């Protein structure tokens, strides 16, 4: 495997998301993927950017829900 990249299956397993979710994120432009031959890979930089762009969740973050 390429240094600094993981397969789509490994990315899905490490981030507890389905392949369908990954492909939706790629199609929406929120997750950047690369092709190596027929294999789809996610760079570690792209994985980090995707994770950091996800909305925050919890009591200490801003919320659009009125109390």
PDB file of N, CA and C in Angstrom:
ATOM      1  N   UNK A   1       0.859  -1.193   0.000  1.00  0.00           N
ATOM      2  CA  UNK A   1       0.000   0.000   0.000  1.00  0.00           C
ATOM      3  C   UNK A   1       0.892   1.238   0.000  1.00  0.00           C
ATOM      4  N   UNK A   2       0.374   2.283  -0.553  1.00  0.00           N
ATOM      5  CA  UNK A   2       1.101   3.540  -0.608  1.00  0.00           C
ATOM      6  C   UNK A   2       1.316   4.108   0.791  1.00  0.00           C
ATOM      7  N   UNK A   3       2.497   4.634   1.019  1.00  0.00           N
ATOM      8  CA  UNK A   3       2.785   5.307   2.287  1.00  0.00           C
ATOM      9  C   UNK A   3       1.911   6.561   2.368  1.00  0.00           C
ATOM     10  N   UNK A   4       1.189   6.760   3.441  1.00  0.00           N
ATOM     11  CA  UNK A   4       0.368   7.950   3.593  1.00  0.00           C
ATOM     12  C   UNK A   4      -1.023   7.837   3.015  1.00  0.00           C
ATOM     13  N   UNK A   5      -1.429   6.610   2.632  1.00  0.00           N
ATOM     14  CA  UNK A   5      -2.772   6.409   2.096  1.00  0.00           C
ATOM     15  C   UNK A   5      -3.307   5.062   2.579  1.00  0.00           C
ATOM     16  N   UNK A   6      -4.625   4.962   2.664  1.00  0.00           N
ATOM     17  CA  UNK A   6      -5.273   3.706   3.060  1.00  0.00           C
ATOM     18  C   UNK A   6      -6.340   3.360   2.032  1.00  0.00           C
ATOM     19  N   UNK A   7      -6.654   2.084   1.941  1.00  0.00           N
ATOM     20  CA  UNK A   7      -7.716   1.648   1.034  1.00  0.00           C
ATOM     21  C   UNK A   7      -9.059   2.184   1.537  1.00  0.00           C
ATOM     22  N   UNK A   8     -10.017   2.218   0.642  1.00  0.00           N
ATOM     23  CA  UNK A   8     -11.354   2.677   1.022  1.00  0.00           C
ATOM     24  C   UNK A   8     -11.931   1.787   2.123  1.00  0.00           C
ATOM     25  N   UNK A   9     -11.745   0.469   1.981  1.00  0.00           N
ATOM     26  CA  UNK A   9     -12.256  -0.450   3.006  1.00  0.00           C
ATOM     27  C   UNK A   9     -11.634  -0.190   4.369  1.00  0.00           C
ATOM     28  N   UNK A  10     -10.338   0.047   4.392  1.00  0.00           N
ATOM     29  CA  UNK A  10      -9.670   0.314   5.671  1.00  0.00           C
ATOM     30  C   UNK A  10     -10.141   1.647   6.253  1.00  0.00           C
ATOM     31  N   UNK A  11     -10.280   2.673   5.386  1.00  0.00           N
ATOM     32  CA  UNK A  11     -10.783   3.962   5.852  1.00  0.00           C
ATOM     33  C   UNK A  11     -12.155   3.788   6.488  1.00  0.00           C
ATOM     34  N   UNK A  12     -13.020   3.024   5.824  1.00  0.00           N
ATOM     35  CA  UNK A  12     -14.370   2.793   6.352  1.00  0.00           C
ATOM     36  C   UNK A  12     -14.312   2.106   7.718  1.00  0.00           C
ATOM     37  N   UNK A  13     -13.470   1.080   7.826  1.00  0.00           N
ATOM     38  CA  UNK A  13     -13.356   0.343   9.083  1.00  0.00           C
ATOM     39  C   UNK A  13     -12.807   1.227  10.200  1.00  0.00           C
ATOM     40  N   UNK A  14     -11.782   2.005   9.900  1.00  0.00           N
ATOM     41  CA  UNK A  14     -11.151   2.854  10.916  1.00  0.00           C
ATOM     42  C   UNK A  14     -12.055   3.991  11.379  1.00  0.00           C
ATOM     43  N   UNK A  15     -13.003   4.400  10.514  1.00  0.00           N
ATOM     44  CA  UNK A  15     -13.870   5.525  10.855  1.00  0.00           C
ATOM     45  C   UNK A  15     -15.314   5.112  11.115  1.00  0.00           C
ATOM     46  N   UNK A  16     -15.556   3.812  11.153  1.00  0.00           N
ATOM     47  CA  UNK A  16     -16.882   3.254  11.463  1.00  0.00           C
ATOM     48  C   UNK A  16     -17.977   3.819  10.563  1.00  0.00           C
ATOM     49  N   UNK A  17     -17.693   3.867   9.273  1.00  0.00           N
ATOM     50  CA  UNK A  17     -18.694   4.299   8.295  1.00  0.00           C
ATOM     51  C   UNK A  17     -18.790   3.244   7.204  1.00  0.00           C
ATOM     52  N   UNK A  18     -19.926   3.179   6.544  1.00  0.00           N
ATOM     53  CA  UNK A  18     -20.125   2.199   5.480  1.00  0.00           C
ATOM     54  C   UNK A  18     -19.467   2.657   4.181  1.00  0.00           C
ATOM     55  N   UNK A  19     -19.291   1.722   3.259  1.00  0.00           N
ATOM     56  CA  UNK A  19     -18.775   2.061   1.930  1.00  0.00           C
ATOM     57  C   UNK A  19     -19.722   3.042   1.241  1.00  0.00           C
ATOM     58  N   UNK A  20     -21.031   2.837   1.422  1.00  0.00           N
ATOM     59  CA  UNK A  20     -22.017   3.732   0.801  1.00  0.00           C
ATOM     60  C   UNK A  20     -21.844   5.157   1.319  1.00  0.00           C
ATOM     61  N   UNK A  21     -21.630   5.303   2.619  1.00  0.00           N
ATOM     62  CA  UNK A  21     -21.399   6.628   3.200  1.00  0.00           C
ATOM     63  C   UNK A  21     -20.139   7.244   2.623  1.00  0.00           C
ATOM     64  N   UNK A  22     -19.073   6.451   2.494  1.00  0.00           N
ATOM     65  CA  UNK A  22     -17.828   6.962   1.903  1.00  0.00           C
ATOM     66  C   UNK A  22     -18.070   7.464   0.490  1.00  0.00           C
ATOM     67  N   UNK A  23     -18.751   6.675  -0.320  1.00  0.00           N
ATOM     68  CA  UNK A  23     -18.998   7.090  -1.696  1.00  0.00           C
ATOM     69  C   UNK A  23     -19.892   8.329  -1.758  1.00  0.00           C
ATOM     70  N   UNK A  24     -20.853   8.454  -0.834  1.00  0.00           N
ATOM     71  CA  UNK A  24     -21.685   9.679  -0.783  1.00  0.00           C
ATOM     72  C   UNK A  24     -20.822  10.889  -0.431  1.00  0.00           C
ATOM     73  N   UNK A  25     -19.911  10.721   0.526  1.00  0.00           N
ATOM     74  CA  UNK A  25     -19.023  11.816   0.923  1.00  0.00           C
ATOM     75  C   UNK A  25     -18.090  12.203  -0.228  1.00  0.00           C
ATOM     76  N   UNK A  26     -17.592  11.217  -0.961  1.00  0.00           N
ATOM     77  CA  UNK A  26     -16.741  11.488  -2.122  1.00  0.00           C
ATOM     78  C   UNK A  26     -17.537  12.218  -3.195  1.00  0.00           C
ATOM     79  N   UNK A  27     -18.741  11.739  -3.500  1.00  0.00           N
ATOM     80  CA  UNK A  27     -19.589  12.363  -4.527  1.00  0.00           C
ATOM     81  C   UNK A  27     -19.964  13.789  -4.166  1.00  0.00           C
ATOM     82  N   UNK A  28     -20.154  14.039  -2.875  1.00  0.00           N
ATOM     83  CA  UNK A  28     -20.524  15.378  -2.411  1.00  0.00           C
ATOM     84  C   UNK A  28     -19.316  16.315  -2.354  1.00  0.00           C
ATOM     85  N   UNK A  29     -18.123  15.774  -2.539  1.00  0.00           N
ATOM     86  CA  UNK A  29     -16.920  16.596  -2.502  1.00  0.00           C
ATOM     87  C   UNK A  29     -16.368  16.846  -1.112  1.00  0.00           C
ATOM     88  N   UNK A  30     -16.911  16.139  -0.118  1.00  0.00           N
ATOM     89  CA  UNK A  30     -16.445  16.331   1.255  1.00  0.00           C
ATOM     90  C   UNK A  30     -15.264  15.429   1.611  1.00  0.00           C
ATOM     91  N   UNK A  31     -15.069  14.367   0.850  1.00  0.00           N
ATOM     92  CA  UNK A  31     -13.961  13.441   1.074  1.00  0.00           C
ATOM     93  C   UNK A  31     -13.225  13.272  -0.247  1.00  0.00           C
ATOM     94  N   UNK A  32     -11.931  13.517  -0.214  1.00  0.00           N
ATOM     95  CA  UNK A  32     -11.116  13.415  -1.429  1.00  0.00           C
ATOM     96  C   UNK A  32     -10.522  12.017  -1.546  1.00  0.00           C
ATOM     97  N   UNK A  33     -10.737  11.393  -2.694  1.00  0.00           N
ATOM     98  CA  UNK A  33     -10.215  10.054  -2.942  1.00  0.00           C
ATOM     99  C   UNK A  33      -9.302  10.079  -4.158  1.00  0.00           C
ATOM    100  N   UNK A  34      -8.437   9.084  -4.234  1.00  0.00           N
ATOM    101  CA  UNK A  34      -7.514   8.922  -5.364  1.00  0.00           C
ATOM    102  C   UNK A  34      -7.702   7.518  -5.922  1.00  0.00           C
ATOM    103  N   UNK A  35      -7.330   7.333  -7.166  1.00  0.00           N
ATOM    104  CA  UNK A  35      -7.360   6.011  -7.780  1.00  0.00           C
ATOM    105  C   UNK A  35      -5.933   5.554  -8.042  1.00  0.00           C
ATOM    106  N   UNK A  36      -5.653   4.320  -7.678  1.00  0.00           N
ATOM    107  CA  UNK A  36      -4.392   3.665  -8.006  1.00  0.00           C
ATOM    108  C   UNK A  36      -4.804   2.424  -8.785  1.00  0.00           C
ATOM    109  N   UNK A  37      -4.768   2.532 -10.097  1.00  0.00           N
ATOM    110  CA  UNK A  37      -5.327   1.458 -10.918  1.00  0.00           C
ATOM    111  C   UNK A  37      -6.823   1.392 -10.672  1.00  0.00           C
ATOM    112  N   UNK A  38      -7.306   0.246 -10.250  1.00  0.00           N
ATOM    113  CA  UNK A  38      -8.733   0.078  -9.941  1.00  0.00           C
ATOM    114  C   UNK A  38      -9.043   0.345  -8.473  1.00  0.00           C
ATOM    115  N   UNK A  39      -8.014   0.485  -7.660  1.00  0.00           N
ATOM    116  CA  UNK A  39      -8.188   0.644  -6.208  1.00  0.00           C
ATOM    117  C   UNK A  39      -8.429   2.104  -5.837  1.00  0.00           C
ATOM    118  N   UNK A  40      -9.397   2.328  -4.974  1.00  0.00           N
ATOM    119  CA  UNK A  40      -9.673   3.663  -4.438  1.00  0.00           C
ATOM    120  C   UNK A  40      -8.952   3.798  -3.113  1.00  0.00           C
ATOM    121  N   UNK A  41      -8.201   4.881  -2.961  1.00  0.00           N
ATOM    122  CA  UNK A  41      -7.478   5.120  -1.714  1.00  0.00           C
ATOM    123  C   UNK A  41      -7.798   6.514  -1.183  1.00  0.00           C
ATOM    124  N   UNK A  42      -7.642   6.647   0.108  1.00  0.00           N
ATOM    125  CA  UNK A  42      -7.838   7.915   0.803  1.00  0.00           C
ATOM    126  C   UNK A  42      -6.504   8.277   1.438  1.00  0.00           C
ATOM    127  N   UNK A  43      -5.991   9.463   1.132  1.00  0.00           N
ATOM    128  CA  UNK A  43      -4.742   9.879   1.773  1.00  0.00           C
ATOM    129  C   UNK A  43      -5.021  10.205   3.237  1.00  0.00           C
ATOM    130  N   UNK A  44      -3.988  10.097   4.040  1.00  0.00           N
ATOM    131  CA  UNK A  44      -4.151  10.421   5.458  1.00  0.00           C
ATOM    132  C   UNK A  44      -4.504  11.892   5.647  1.00  0.00           C
ATOM    133  N   UNK A  45      -3.977  12.755   4.780  1.00  0.00           N
ATOM    134  CA  UNK A  45      -4.312  14.181   4.851  1.00  0.00           C
ATOM    135  C   UNK A  45      -5.785  14.399   4.533  1.00  0.00           C
ATOM    136  N   UNK A  46      -6.307  13.696   3.522  1.00  0.00           N
ATOM    137  CA  UNK A  46      -7.722  13.825   3.160  1.00  0.00           C
ATOM    138  C   UNK A  46      -8.612  13.289   4.276  1.00  0.00           C
ATOM    139  N   UNK A  47      -8.200  12.183   4.894  1.00  0.00           N
ATOM    140  CA  UNK A  47      -8.968  11.612   6.005  1.00  0.00           C
ATOM    141  C   UNK A  47      -9.028  12.586   7.174  1.00  0.00           C
ATOM    142  N   UNK A  48      -7.900  13.216   7.485  1.00  0.00           N
ATOM    143  CA  UNK A  48      -7.851  14.185   8.588  1.00  0.00           C
ATOM    144  C   UNK A  48      -8.725  15.399   8.276  1.00  0.00           C
ATOM    145  N   UNK A  49      -8.641  15.904   7.048  1.00  0.00           N
ATOM    146  CA  UNK A  49      -9.453  17.064   6.650  1.00  0.00           C
ATOM    147  C   UNK A  49     -10.935  16.735   6.737  1.00  0.00           C
ATOM    148  N   UNK A  50     -11.327  15.532   6.293  1.00  0.00           N
ATOM    149  CA  UNK A  50     -12.730  15.116   6.340  1.00  0.00           C
ATOM    150  C   UNK A  50     -13.215  15.063   7.787  1.00  0.00           C
ATOM    151  N   UNK A  51     -12.409  14.454   8.648  1.00  0.00           N
ATOM    152  CA  UNK A  51     -12.789  14.323  10.053  1.00  0.00           C
ATOM    153  C   UNK A  51     -12.928  15.686  10.719  1.00  0.00           C
ATOM    154  N   UNK A  52     -11.991  16.582  10.446  1.00  0.00           N
ATOM    155  CA  UNK A  52     -12.034  17.908  11.066  1.00  0.00           C
ATOM    156  C   UNK A  52     -13.180  18.767  10.528  1.00  0.00           C
ATOM    157  N   UNK A  53     -13.679  18.465   9.337  1.00  0.00           N
ATOM    158  CA  UNK A  53     -14.778  19.234   8.745  1.00  0.00           C
ATOM    159  C   UNK A  53     -16.155  18.754   9.219  1.00  0.00           C
ATOM    160  N   UNK A  54     -16.205  17.600   9.874  1.00  0.00           N
ATOM    161  CA  UNK A  54     -17.487  17.100  10.369  1.00  0.00           C
ATOM    162  C   UNK A  54     -18.038  18.048  11.429  1.00  0.00           C
ATOM    163  N   UNK A  55     -19.370  18.157  11.520  1.00  0.00           N
ATOM    164  CA  UNK A  55     -19.941  19.043  12.535  1.00  0.00           C
ATOM    165  C   UNK A  55     -19.647  18.535  13.946  1.00  0.00           C
ATOM    166  N   UNK A  56     -19.454  19.468  14.844  1.00  0.00           N
ATOM    167  CA  UNK A  56     -19.214  19.126  16.246  1.00  0.00           C
ATOM    168  C   UNK A  56     -20.519  18.682  16.881  1.00  0.00           C
ATOM    169  N   UNK A  57     -20.404  17.881  17.908  1.00  0.00           N
ATOM    170  CA  UNK A  57     -21.573  17.369  18.612  1.00  0.00           C
ATOM    171  C   UNK A  57     -21.286  17.392  20.101  1.00  0.00           C
ATOM    172  N   UNK A  58     -22.222  17.902  20.866  1.00  0.00           N
ATOM    173  CA  UNK A  58     -22.051  17.882  22.308  1.00  0.00           C
ATOM    174  C   UNK A  58     -22.538  19.158  22.961  1.00  0.00           C
ATOM    175  N   UNK A  59     -22.508  19.165  24.270  1.00  0.00           N
ATOM    176  CA  UNK A  59     -23.035  20.270  25.057  1.00  0.00           C
ATOM    177  C   UNK A  59     -22.210  21.538  24.925  1.00  0.00           C
ATOM    178  N   UNK A  60     -20.918  21.412  24.632  1.00  0.00           N
ATOM    179  CA  UNK A  60     -20.065  22.589  24.620  1.00  0.00           C
ATOM    180  C   UNK A  60     -19.930  23.222  23.229  1.00  0.00           C
ATOM    181  N   UNK A  61     -20.700  22.762  22.236  1.00  0.00           N
ATOM    182  CA  UNK A  61     -20.616  23.367  20.914  1.00  0.00           C
ATOM    183  C   UNK A  61     -21.868  24.187  20.637  1.00  0.00           C
ATOM    184  N   UNK A  62     -21.757  25.102  19.692  1.00  0.00           N
ATOM    185  CA  UNK A  62     -22.896  25.934  19.313  1.00  0.00           C
ATOM    186  C   UNK A  62     -23.968  25.054  18.671  1.00  0.00           C
ATOM    187  N   UNK A  63     -25.205  25.413  18.902  1.00  0.00           N
ATOM    188  CA  UNK A  63     -26.302  24.624  18.357  1.00  0.00           C
ATOM    189  C   UNK A  63     -27.332  25.563  17.746  1.00  0.00           C
ATOM    190  N   UNK A  64     -27.963  25.099  16.667  1.00  0.00           N
ATOM    191  CA  UNK A  64     -29.027  25.884  16.026  1.00  0.00           C
ATOM    192  C   UNK A  64     -30.371  25.587  16.652  1.00  0.00           C
ATOM    193  N   UNK A  65     -30.424  24.666  17.611  1.00  0.00           N
ATOM    194  CA  UNK A  65     -31.675  24.280  18.246  1.00  0.00           C
ATOM    195  C   UNK A  65     -31.984  25.263  19.376  1.00  0.00           C
ATOM    196  N   UNK A  66     -33.173  25.838  19.328  1.00  0.00           N
ATOM    197  CA  UNK A  66     -33.583  26.776  20.382  1.00  0.00           C
ATOM    198  C   UNK A  66     -33.945  26.008  21.646  1.00  0.00           C
ATOM    199  N   UNK A  67     -33.572  26.566  22.779  1.00  0.00           N
ATOM    200  CA  UNK A  67     -33.841  25.902  24.062  1.00  0.00           C
ATOM    201  C   UNK A  67     -35.268  26.115  24.499  1.00  0.00           C
TER     202      UNK A  67
END
